[in-house]
Amino acid sequence: VVALLSARALLEAGVSLAQARLTPK
């Protein structure tokens, strides 16, 4: 459960980073 929640947090951070790169473009 801890690993899955950590993986989800990392994936959501990745979404935010990709979104931060995409939106201004």
PDB file of all heavy atoms in Angstrom:
ATOM      1  N   VAL A   1       0.839  -1.207   0.000  1.00  0.00           N
ATOM      2  CA  VAL A   1       0.000   0.000   0.000  1.00  0.00           C
ATOM      3  C   VAL A   1       0.869   1.249   0.000  1.00  0.00           C
ATOM      4  O   VAL A   1       0.628   2.199  -0.762  1.00  0.00           O
ATOM      5  CB  VAL A   1      -0.940  -0.004   1.221  1.00  0.00           C
ATOM      6  CG1 VAL A   1      -1.667   1.337   1.347  1.00  0.00           C
ATOM      7  CG2 VAL A   1      -1.949  -1.138   1.107  1.00  0.00           C
ATOM      8  N   VAL A   2       1.914   1.259   0.847  1.00  0.00           N
ATOM      9  CA  VAL A   2       2.822   2.412   0.903  1.00  0.00           C
ATOM     10  C   VAL A   2       3.494   2.623  -0.444  1.00  0.00           C
ATOM     11  O   VAL A   2       3.623   3.756  -0.941  1.00  0.00           O
ATOM     12  CB  VAL A   2       3.863   2.211   2.018  1.00  0.00           C
ATOM     13  CG1 VAL A   2       4.920   3.320   1.960  1.00  0.00           C
ATOM     14  CG2 VAL A   2       3.180   2.201   3.383  1.00  0.00           C
ATOM     15  N   ALA A   3       3.929   1.515  -1.072  1.00  0.00           N
ATOM     16  CA  ALA A   3       4.602   1.629  -2.366  1.00  0.00           C
ATOM     17  C   ALA A   3       3.649   2.173  -3.431  1.00  0.00           C
ATOM     18  O   ALA A   3       4.029   3.033  -4.252  1.00  0.00           O
ATOM     19  CB  ALA A   3       5.146   0.262  -2.782  1.00  0.00           C
ATOM     20  N   LEU A   4       2.411   1.685  -3.424  1.00  0.00           N
ATOM     21  CA  LEU A   4       1.451   2.159  -4.413  1.00  0.00           C
ATOM     22  C   LEU A   4       1.110   3.632  -4.207  1.00  0.00           C
ATOM     23  O   LEU A   4       1.008   4.397  -5.179  1.00  0.00           O
ATOM     24  CB  LEU A   4       0.176   1.312  -4.346  1.00  0.00           C
ATOM     25  CG  LEU A   4       0.316  -0.139  -4.845  1.00  0.00           C
ATOM     26  CD1 LEU A   4      -0.953  -0.921  -4.545  1.00  0.00           C
ATOM     27  CD2 LEU A   4       0.619  -0.164  -6.335  1.00  0.00           C
ATOM     28  N   LEU A   5       0.927   4.027  -2.957  1.00  0.00           N
ATOM     29  CA  LEU A   5       0.647   5.435  -2.688  1.00  0.00           C
ATOM     30  C   LEU A   5       1.823   6.323  -3.053  1.00  0.00           C
ATOM     31  O   LEU A   5       1.653   7.430  -3.572  1.00  0.00           O
ATOM     32  CB  LEU A   5       0.274   5.619  -1.216  1.00  0.00           C
ATOM     33  CG  LEU A   5      -1.055   4.985  -0.773  1.00  0.00           C
ATOM     34  CD1 LEU A   5      -1.265   5.196   0.720  1.00  0.00           C
ATOM     35  CD2 LEU A   5      -2.219   5.561  -1.558  1.00  0.00           C
ATOM     36  N   SER A   6       3.033   5.849  -2.788  1.00  0.00           N
ATOM     37  CA  SER A   6       4.235   6.609  -3.170  1.00  0.00           C
ATOM     38  C   SER A   6       4.340   6.712  -4.684  1.00  0.00           C
ATOM     39  O   SER A   6       4.671   7.778  -5.233  1.00  0.00           O
ATOM     40  CB  SER A   6       5.478   5.941  -2.591  1.00  0.00           C
ATOM     41  OG  SER A   6       5.418   5.888  -1.175  1.00  0.00           O
ATOM     42  N   ALA A   7       4.056   5.593  -5.373  1.00  0.00           N
ATOM     43  CA  ALA A   7       4.095   5.627  -6.835  1.00  0.00           C
ATOM     44  C   ALA A   7       3.051   6.595  -7.380  1.00  0.00           C
ATOM     45  O   ALA A   7       3.308   7.336  -8.343  1.00  0.00           O
ATOM     46  CB  ALA A   7       3.853   4.222  -7.389  1.00  0.00           C
ATOM     47  N   ARG A   8       1.876   6.610  -6.750  1.00  0.00           N
ATOM     48  CA  ARG A   8       0.844   7.547  -7.193  1.00  0.00           C
ATOM     49  C   ARG A   8       1.291   8.990  -6.992  1.00  0.00           C
ATOM     50  O   ARG A   8       1.062   9.847  -7.862  1.00  0.00           O
ATOM     51  CB  ARG A   8      -0.453   7.287  -6.428  1.00  0.00           C
ATOM     52  CG  ARG A   8      -1.600   8.168  -6.891  1.00  0.00           C
ATOM     53  CD  ARG A   8      -2.816   8.021  -6.005  1.00  0.00           C
ATOM     54  NE  ARG A   8      -3.893   8.885  -6.468  1.00  0.00           N
ATOM     55  CZ  ARG A   8      -5.009   9.110  -5.812  1.00  0.00           C
ATOM     56  NH1 ARG A   8      -5.216   8.524  -4.631  1.00  0.00           N
ATOM     57  NH2 ARG A   8      -5.939   9.907  -6.296  1.00  0.00           N
ATOM     58  N   ALA A   9       1.918   9.263  -5.855  1.00  0.00           N
ATOM     59  CA  ALA A   9       2.411  10.624  -5.600  1.00  0.00           C
ATOM     60  C   ALA A   9       3.444  11.034  -6.648  1.00  0.00           C
ATOM     61  O   ALA A   9       3.428  12.166  -7.144  1.00  0.00           O
ATOM     62  CB  ALA A   9       3.000  10.711  -4.201  1.00  0.00           C
ATOM     63  N   LEU A  10       4.344  10.099  -6.997  1.00  0.00           N
ATOM     64  CA  LEU A  10       5.358  10.394  -8.017  1.00  0.00           C
ATOM     65  C   LEU A  10       4.704  10.635  -9.382  1.00  0.00           C
ATOM     66  O   LEU A  10       5.101  11.546 -10.119  1.00  0.00           O
ATOM     67  CB  LEU A  10       6.369   9.252  -8.096  1.00  0.00           C
ATOM     68  CG  LEU A  10       7.315   9.111  -6.898  1.00  0.00           C
ATOM     69  CD1 LEU A  10       8.173   7.855  -7.045  1.00  0.00           C
ATOM     70  CD2 LEU A  10       8.206  10.351  -6.769  1.00  0.00           C
ATOM     71  N   LEU A  11       3.704   9.814  -9.712  1.00  0.00           N
ATOM     72  CA  LEU A  11       3.030   9.989 -10.994  1.00  0.00           C
ATOM     73  C   LEU A  11       2.278  11.315 -11.054  1.00  0.00           C
ATOM     74  O   LEU A  11       2.289  11.995 -12.084  1.00  0.00           O
ATOM     75  CB  LEU A  11       2.067   8.824 -11.223  1.00  0.00           C
ATOM     76  CG  LEU A  11       2.717   7.453 -11.493  1.00  0.00           C
ATOM     77  CD1 LEU A  11       1.671   6.360 -11.480  1.00  0.00           C
ATOM     78  CD2 LEU A  11       3.463   7.472 -12.814  1.00  0.00           C
ATOM     79  N   GLU A  12       1.632  11.700  -9.970  1.00  0.00           N
ATOM     80  CA  GLU A  12       0.930  12.986  -9.947  1.00  0.00           C
ATOM     81  C   GLU A  12       1.914  14.152 -10.042  1.00  0.00           C
ATOM     82  O   GLU A  12       1.613  15.174 -10.667  1.00  0.00           O
ATOM     83  CB  GLU A  12       0.083  13.095  -8.686  1.00  0.00           C
ATOM     84  CG  GLU A  12      -1.128  12.169  -8.697  1.00  0.00           C
ATOM     85  CD  GLU A  12      -1.968  12.306  -7.452  1.00  0.00           C
ATOM     86  OE1 GLU A  12      -1.480  12.905  -6.473  1.00  0.00           O
ATOM     87  OE2 GLU A  12      -3.115  11.803  -7.439  1.00  0.00           O
ATOM     88  N   ALA A  13       3.086  13.986  -9.413  1.00  0.00           N
ATOM     89  CA  ALA A  13       4.115  15.014  -9.564  1.00  0.00           C
ATOM     90  C   ALA A  13       4.569  15.096 -11.015  1.00  0.00           C
ATOM     91  O   ALA A  13       4.809  16.194 -11.553  1.00  0.00           O
ATOM     92  CB  ALA A  13       5.293  14.711  -8.643  1.00  0.00           C
ATOM     93  N   GLY A  14       4.689  13.926 -11.663  1.00  0.00           N
ATOM     94  CA  GLY A  14       5.045  13.920 -13.080  1.00  0.00           C
ATOM     95  C   GLY A  14       3.997  14.603 -13.936  1.00  0.00           C
ATOM     96  O   GLY A  14       4.328  15.320 -14.892  1.00  0.00           O
ATOM     97  N   VAL A  15       2.718  14.391 -13.606  1.00  0.00           N
ATOM     98  CA  VAL A  15       1.642  15.073 -14.329  1.00  0.00           C
ATOM     99  C   VAL A  15       1.775  16.583 -14.171  1.00  0.00           C
ATOM    100  O   VAL A  15       1.643  17.339 -15.143  1.00  0.00           O
ATOM    101  CB  VAL A  15       0.264  14.593 -13.819  1.00  0.00           C
ATOM    102  CG1 VAL A  15      -0.849  15.466 -14.385  1.00  0.00           C
ATOM    103  CG2 VAL A  15       0.033  13.145 -14.207  1.00  0.00           C
ATOM    104  N   SER A  16       2.045  17.029 -12.957  1.00  0.00           N
ATOM    105  CA  SER A  16       2.189  18.475 -12.714  1.00  0.00           C
ATOM    106  C   SER A  16       3.366  19.052 -13.479  1.00  0.00           C
ATOM    107  O   SER A  16       3.274  20.154 -14.050  1.00  0.00           O
ATOM    108  CB  SER A  16       2.354  18.731 -11.212  1.00  0.00           C
ATOM    109  OG  SER A  16       1.219  18.285 -10.493  1.00  0.00           O
ATOM    110  N   LEU A  17       4.486  18.312 -13.516  1.00  0.00           N
ATOM    111  CA  LEU A  17       5.654  18.800 -14.244  1.00  0.00           C
ATOM    112  C   LEU A  17       5.381  18.876 -15.746  1.00  0.00           C
ATOM    113  O   LEU A  17       5.740  19.857 -16.411  1.00  0.00           O
ATOM    114  CB  LEU A  17       6.850  17.884 -13.974  1.00  0.00           C
ATOM    115  CG  LEU A  17       7.425  17.936 -12.550  1.00  0.00           C
ATOM    116  CD1 LEU A  17       8.494  16.864 -12.365  1.00  0.00           C
ATOM    117  CD2 LEU A  17       8.003  19.320 -12.261  1.00  0.00           C
ATOM    118  N   ALA A  18       4.749  17.831 -16.285  1.00  0.00           N
ATOM    119  CA  ALA A  18       4.432  17.847 -17.714  1.00  0.00           C
ATOM    120  C   ALA A  18       3.421  18.938 -18.036  1.00  0.00           C
ATOM    121  O   ALA A  18       3.520  19.611 -19.075  1.00  0.00           O
ATOM    122  CB  ALA A  18       3.894  16.481 -18.133  1.00  0.00           C
ATOM    123  N   GLN A  19       2.468  19.138 -17.144  1.00  0.00           N
ATOM    124  CA  GLN A  19       1.475  20.194 -17.346  1.00  0.00           C
ATOM    125  C   GLN A  19       2.128  21.571 -17.298  1.00  0.00           C
ATOM    126  O   GLN A  19       1.782  22.466 -18.087  1.00  0.00           O
ATOM    127  CB  GLN A  19       0.397  20.073 -16.276  1.00  0.00           C
ATOM    128  CG  GLN A  19      -0.700  21.116 -16.371  1.00  0.00           C
ATOM    129  CD  GLN A  19      -1.693  20.973 -15.235  1.00  0.00           C
ATOM    130  OE1 GLN A  19      -1.956  19.879 -14.745  1.00  0.00           O
ATOM    131  NE2 GLN A  19      -2.240  22.095 -14.790  1.00  0.00           N
ATOM    132  N   ALA A  20       3.067  21.752 -16.378  1.00  0.00           N
ATOM    133  CA  ALA A  20       3.775  23.036 -16.286  1.00  0.00           C
ATOM    134  C   ALA A  20       4.579  23.317 -17.550  1.00  0.00           C
ATOM    135  O   ALA A  20       4.777  24.476 -17.931  1.00  0.00           O
ATOM    136  CB  ALA A  20       4.695  23.021 -15.069  1.00  0.00           C
ATOM    137  N   ARG A  21       5.045  22.271 -18.200  1.00  0.00           N
ATOM    138  CA  ARG A  21       5.781  22.435 -19.460  1.00  0.00           C
ATOM    139  C   ARG A  21       4.837  22.677 -20.628  1.00  0.00           C
ATOM    140  O   ARG A  21       5.165  23.420 -21.563  1.00  0.00           O
ATOM    141  CB  ARG A  21       6.616  21.180 -19.696  1.00  0.00           C
ATOM    142  CG  ARG A  21       7.304  21.113 -21.049  1.00  0.00           C
ATOM    143  CD  ARG A  21       8.023  19.781 -21.195  1.00  0.00           C
ATOM    144  NE  ARG A  21       8.448  19.545 -22.557  1.00  0.00           N
ATOM    145  CZ  ARG A  21       8.993  18.418 -22.985  1.00  0.00           C
ATOM    146  NH1 ARG A  21       9.167  17.418 -22.135  1.00  0.00           N
ATOM    147  NH2 ARG A  21       9.344  18.288 -24.250  1.00  0.00           N
ATOM    148  N   LEU A  22       3.663  22.071 -20.571  1.00  0.00           N
ATOM    149  CA  LEU A  22       2.741  22.100 -21.705  1.00  0.00           C
ATOM    150  C   LEU A  22       1.910  23.373 -21.758  1.00  0.00           C
ATOM    151  O   LEU A  22       1.740  23.969 -22.833  1.00  0.00           O
ATOM    152  CB  LEU A  22       1.822  20.875 -21.619  1.00  0.00           C
ATOM    153  CG  LEU A  22       0.751  20.714 -22.691  1.00  0.00           C
ATOM    154  CD1 LEU A  22       1.382  20.574 -24.053  1.00  0.00           C
ATOM    155  CD2 LEU A  22      -0.126  19.506 -22.359  1.00  0.00           C
ATOM    156  N   THR A  23       1.374  23.797 -20.619  1.00  0.00           N
ATOM    157  CA  THR A  23       0.421  24.904 -20.598  1.00  0.00           C
ATOM    158  C   THR A  23       0.976  26.201 -21.184  1.00  0.00           C
ATOM    159  O   THR A  23       0.319  26.829 -22.024  1.00  0.00           O
ATOM    160  CB  THR A  23      -0.080  25.134 -19.157  1.00  0.00           C
ATOM    161  OG1 THR A  23      -0.689  23.931 -18.686  1.00  0.00           O
ATOM    162  CG2 THR A  23      -1.080  26.263 -19.109  1.00  0.00           C
ATOM    163  N   PRO A  24       2.175  26.651 -20.800  1.00  0.00           N
ATOM    164  CA  PRO A  24       2.682  27.892 -21.405  1.00  0.00           C
ATOM    165  C   PRO A  24       2.878  27.778 -22.914  1.00  0.00           C
ATOM    166  O   PRO A  24       2.711  28.769 -23.633  1.00  0.00           O
ATOM    167  CB  PRO A  24       4.027  28.104 -20.689  1.00  0.00           C
ATOM    168  CG  PRO A  24       3.919  27.330 -19.422  1.00  0.00           C
ATOM    169  CD  PRO A  24       3.082  26.148 -19.757  1.00  0.00           C
ATOM    170  N   LYS A  25       3.208  26.582 -23.398  1.00  0.00           N
ATOM    171  CA  LYS A  25       3.409  26.426 -24.836  1.00  0.00           C
ATOM    172  C   LYS A  25       2.092  26.587 -25.595  1.00  0.00           C
ATOM    173  O   LYS A  25       2.070  27.151 -26.698  1.00  0.00           O
ATOM    174  CB  LYS A  25       4.016  25.058 -25.133  1.00  0.00           C
ATOM    175  CG  LYS A  25       5.472  24.929 -24.699  1.00  0.00           C
ATOM    176  CD  LYS A  25       6.068  23.615 -25.154  1.00  0.00           C
ATOM    177  CE  LYS A  25       7.546  23.532 -24.781  1.00  0.00           C
ATOM    178  NZ  LYS A  25       8.174  22.282 -25.251  1.00  0.00           N
TER     179      LYS A  25
END
